[in-house]
N, C-alpha and C. Protein backbone atom coordinates (compact mmCIF):
# COMPACT_ATOMS: atom_id res chain seq x y z
N MET A 1 109.25 81.61 92.49
CA MET A 1 109.81 82.79 93.13
C MET A 1 108.95 84.00 92.77
N ARG A 2 108.65 84.78 93.74
CA ARG A 2 107.79 85.95 93.55
C ARG A 2 108.61 87.17 93.11
N THR A 3 108.15 87.86 92.08
CA THR A 3 108.82 89.05 91.58
C THR A 3 108.45 90.25 92.44
N PRO A 4 109.45 91.05 92.87
CA PRO A 4 109.12 92.25 93.65
C PRO A 4 108.26 93.21 92.83
N THR A 5 107.46 93.99 93.52
CA THR A 5 106.58 94.96 92.87
C THR A 5 107.36 96.24 92.55
N THR A 6 106.74 97.08 91.73
CA THR A 6 107.38 98.37 91.41
C THR A 6 107.53 99.22 92.67
N ASP A 7 106.59 99.12 93.59
CA ASP A 7 106.69 99.88 94.85
C ASP A 7 107.89 99.40 95.68
N GLN A 8 108.11 98.10 95.69
CA GLN A 8 109.26 97.56 96.43
C GLN A 8 110.58 97.99 95.79
N PHE A 9 110.62 98.01 94.46
CA PHE A 9 111.82 98.50 93.79
C PHE A 9 112.03 99.99 94.07
N ALA A 10 110.95 100.76 94.17
CA ALA A 10 111.07 102.19 94.47
C ALA A 10 111.67 102.40 95.86
N VAL A 11 111.25 101.59 96.83
CA VAL A 11 111.80 101.69 98.19
C VAL A 11 113.29 101.33 98.16
N LEU A 12 113.63 100.27 97.45
CA LEU A 12 115.03 99.86 97.35
C LEU A 12 115.87 100.95 96.69
N TYR A 13 115.34 101.56 95.63
CA TYR A 13 116.04 102.64 94.96
C TYR A 13 116.32 103.80 95.92
N ASP A 14 115.33 104.15 96.71
CA ASP A 14 115.51 105.24 97.70
C ASP A 14 116.57 104.89 98.73
N GLN A 15 116.72 103.61 99.03
CA GLN A 15 117.74 103.18 99.99
C GLN A 15 119.14 103.13 99.38
N LEU A 16 119.22 102.89 98.08
CA LEU A 16 120.52 102.81 97.41
C LEU A 16 121.11 104.17 97.08
N ARG A 17 120.25 105.15 96.79
CA ARG A 17 120.72 106.47 96.34
C ARG A 17 121.73 107.15 97.26
N PRO A 18 121.54 107.12 98.59
CA PRO A 18 122.54 107.78 99.44
C PRO A 18 123.94 107.18 99.29
N GLY A 19 124.02 105.87 99.10
CA GLY A 19 125.32 105.23 98.90
C GLY A 19 125.98 105.68 97.62
N LEU A 20 125.18 105.84 96.57
CA LEU A 20 125.71 106.35 95.31
C LEU A 20 126.23 107.77 95.50
N GLY A 21 125.50 108.57 96.25
CA GLY A 21 125.95 109.95 96.51
C GLY A 21 127.26 109.99 97.27
N ARG A 22 127.41 109.11 98.25
CA ARG A 22 128.65 109.07 99.02
C ARG A 22 129.83 108.68 98.13
N LEU A 23 129.63 107.68 97.29
CA LEU A 23 130.70 107.27 96.38
C LEU A 23 131.03 108.38 95.39
N SER A 24 130.01 109.10 94.92
CA SER A 24 130.24 110.20 93.99
C SER A 24 131.08 111.30 94.63
N ARG A 25 130.72 111.65 95.86
CA ARG A 25 131.47 112.70 96.56
C ARG A 25 132.90 112.26 96.87
N LEU A 26 133.06 110.99 97.28
CA LEU A 26 134.40 110.47 97.57
C LEU A 26 135.27 110.50 96.31
N ARG A 27 134.71 110.04 95.21
CA ARG A 27 135.44 110.02 93.94
C ARG A 27 135.84 111.44 93.53
N ALA A 28 134.90 112.37 93.62
CA ALA A 28 135.18 113.76 93.26
C ALA A 28 136.27 114.35 94.17
N ARG A 29 136.20 114.03 95.44
CA ARG A 29 137.18 114.55 96.39
C ARG A 29 138.58 114.02 96.08
N LEU A 30 138.68 112.74 95.74
CA LEU A 30 139.98 112.16 95.40
C LEU A 30 140.57 112.82 94.16
N ILE A 31 139.71 113.12 93.21
CA ILE A 31 140.17 113.78 91.98
C ILE A 31 140.66 115.19 92.30
N VAL A 32 139.91 115.91 93.14
CA VAL A 32 140.30 117.27 93.53
C VAL A 32 141.63 117.25 94.30
N LEU A 33 141.82 116.22 95.12
CA LEU A 33 143.07 116.12 95.90
C LEU A 33 144.26 115.74 95.03
N GLY A 34 144.01 115.39 93.78
CA GLY A 34 145.12 115.11 92.87
C GLY A 34 145.56 113.66 92.80
N TYR A 35 144.70 112.74 93.22
CA TYR A 35 145.07 111.34 93.08
C TYR A 35 145.30 111.04 91.60
N PRO A 36 146.36 110.33 91.27
CA PRO A 36 146.60 110.00 89.87
C PRO A 36 145.52 109.05 89.35
N PRO A 37 145.19 109.13 88.06
CA PRO A 37 144.10 108.32 87.49
C PRO A 37 144.27 106.82 87.68
N HIS A 38 145.50 106.35 87.78
CA HIS A 38 145.73 104.91 87.91
C HIS A 38 146.01 104.48 89.35
N ASP A 39 145.81 105.37 90.31
CA ASP A 39 145.99 105.03 91.71
C ASP A 39 145.01 103.92 92.08
N ALA A 40 145.48 102.91 92.77
CA ALA A 40 144.67 101.74 93.09
C ALA A 40 143.40 102.10 93.86
N TYR A 41 143.51 103.03 94.80
CA TYR A 41 142.35 103.41 95.60
C TYR A 41 141.31 104.14 94.75
N LEU A 42 141.76 105.10 93.93
CA LEU A 42 140.85 105.82 93.05
C LEU A 42 140.19 104.88 92.05
N VAL A 43 140.94 103.94 91.53
CA VAL A 43 140.38 102.96 90.59
C VAL A 43 139.30 102.13 91.29
N SER A 44 139.56 101.70 92.52
CA SER A 44 138.57 100.92 93.28
C SER A 44 137.31 101.73 93.56
N VAL A 45 137.49 102.97 93.95
CA VAL A 45 136.33 103.84 94.22
C VAL A 45 135.53 104.05 92.94
N THR A 46 136.22 104.27 91.83
CA THR A 46 135.55 104.49 90.55
C THR A 46 134.79 103.24 90.11
N GLU A 47 135.38 102.07 90.29
CA GLU A 47 134.69 100.81 89.95
C GLU A 47 133.45 100.62 90.82
N ALA A 48 133.57 100.93 92.11
CA ALA A 48 132.43 100.82 93.02
C ALA A 48 131.34 101.81 92.63
N TRP A 49 131.74 103.04 92.28
CA TRP A 49 130.78 104.06 91.85
C TRP A 49 130.04 103.62 90.58
N ARG A 50 130.77 103.09 89.61
CA ARG A 50 130.14 102.63 88.36
C ARG A 50 129.16 101.49 88.61
N ALA A 51 129.56 100.54 89.46
CA ALA A 51 128.68 99.41 89.77
C ALA A 51 127.43 99.88 90.50
N MET A 52 127.59 100.79 91.46
CA MET A 52 126.45 101.32 92.21
C MET A 52 125.55 102.13 91.30
N HIS A 53 126.14 102.89 90.38
CA HIS A 53 125.35 103.68 89.44
C HIS A 53 124.51 102.76 88.56
N GLU A 54 125.12 101.70 88.05
CA GLU A 54 124.38 100.74 87.23
C GLU A 54 123.25 100.09 88.02
N LEU A 55 123.54 99.72 89.26
CA LEU A 55 122.51 99.12 90.11
C LEU A 55 121.36 100.09 90.36
N CYS A 56 121.68 101.36 90.61
CA CYS A 56 120.63 102.36 90.83
C CYS A 56 119.79 102.57 89.58
N VAL A 57 120.43 102.64 88.42
CA VAL A 57 119.67 102.83 87.18
C VAL A 57 118.75 101.65 86.93
N ARG A 58 119.26 100.43 87.07
CA ARG A 58 118.43 99.25 86.84
C ARG A 58 117.28 99.17 87.85
N THR A 59 117.57 99.52 89.10
CA THR A 59 116.52 99.50 90.12
C THR A 59 115.47 100.56 89.83
N HIS A 60 115.91 101.73 89.38
CA HIS A 60 114.96 102.79 89.03
C HIS A 60 114.05 102.32 87.89
N TYR A 61 114.62 101.72 86.85
CA TYR A 61 113.81 101.24 85.73
C TYR A 61 112.78 100.21 86.20
N LEU A 62 113.17 99.35 87.12
CA LEU A 62 112.25 98.34 87.63
C LEU A 62 111.17 98.95 88.52
N SER A 63 111.41 100.18 89.00
CA SER A 63 110.40 100.84 89.84
C SER A 63 109.37 101.60 89.01
N CYS A 64 109.63 101.74 87.72
CA CYS A 64 108.70 102.48 86.85
C CYS A 64 107.46 101.66 86.56
N ARG A 65 106.30 102.28 86.70
CA ARG A 65 105.04 101.57 86.47
C ARG A 65 104.70 101.43 85.00
N GLY A 66 105.32 102.21 84.14
CA GLY A 66 105.01 102.18 82.72
C GLY A 66 105.58 100.99 81.98
N GLY A 67 106.22 100.08 82.68
CA GLY A 67 106.76 98.90 82.04
C GLY A 67 108.16 99.07 81.49
N VAL A 68 108.84 100.15 81.85
CA VAL A 68 110.19 100.40 81.34
C VAL A 68 111.13 99.26 81.71
N GLY A 69 111.08 98.83 82.96
CA GLY A 69 111.98 97.78 83.40
C GLY A 69 111.43 96.39 83.27
N GLY A 70 110.15 96.27 83.02
CA GLY A 70 109.55 94.97 82.82
C GLY A 70 109.07 94.28 84.08
N ALA A 71 109.16 94.92 85.24
CA ALA A 71 108.73 94.27 86.48
C ALA A 71 107.24 93.99 86.46
N ASP A 72 106.43 94.98 86.09
CA ASP A 72 104.99 94.77 86.05
C ASP A 72 104.59 93.80 84.95
N ALA A 73 105.26 93.87 83.82
CA ALA A 73 104.94 92.98 82.70
C ALA A 73 105.18 91.53 83.08
N ALA A 74 106.27 91.27 83.79
CA ALA A 74 106.56 89.90 84.22
C ALA A 74 105.52 89.42 85.22
N ALA A 75 105.12 90.29 86.14
CA ALA A 75 104.11 89.92 87.13
C ALA A 75 102.76 89.70 86.47
N GLN A 76 102.42 90.54 85.50
CA GLN A 76 101.14 90.41 84.81
C GLN A 76 101.08 89.13 83.98
N SER A 77 102.18 88.80 83.33
CA SER A 77 102.17 87.60 82.49
C SER A 77 102.00 86.34 83.32
N LYS A 78 102.48 86.34 84.54
CA LYS A 78 102.30 85.18 85.42
C LYS A 78 100.85 85.07 85.89
N ASP A 79 100.18 86.24 86.05
CA ASP A 79 98.81 86.25 86.54
C ASP A 79 97.80 85.90 85.45
N GLN A 80 98.16 86.10 84.18
CA GLN A 80 97.23 85.83 83.08
C GLN A 80 97.22 84.36 82.76
N LYS A 81 96.05 83.85 82.53
CA LYS A 81 95.91 82.45 82.17
C LYS A 81 95.77 82.35 80.65
N VAL A 82 96.48 81.42 80.09
CA VAL A 82 96.39 81.19 78.65
C VAL A 82 95.28 80.18 78.41
N VAL A 83 94.34 80.54 77.53
CA VAL A 83 93.21 79.67 77.26
C VAL A 83 93.42 78.94 75.96
């Protein structure tokens, strides 16, 4: 299986960010409207927001060229031959 490149992760990150923004605004709006903290809908939105946030952070790390997420390191180790 081929590992995606940092550039591919960067494109994916750019595509995910608007969804995270929408969930953030929806969550904030529900809080402003006074939804109780244990309301099923607010809890679902908050869980979705947390999952999307984690996905965005992990995708961002994998898009970093400095090896933060390990995407380049994994690709480089496959390309290197052990003698």
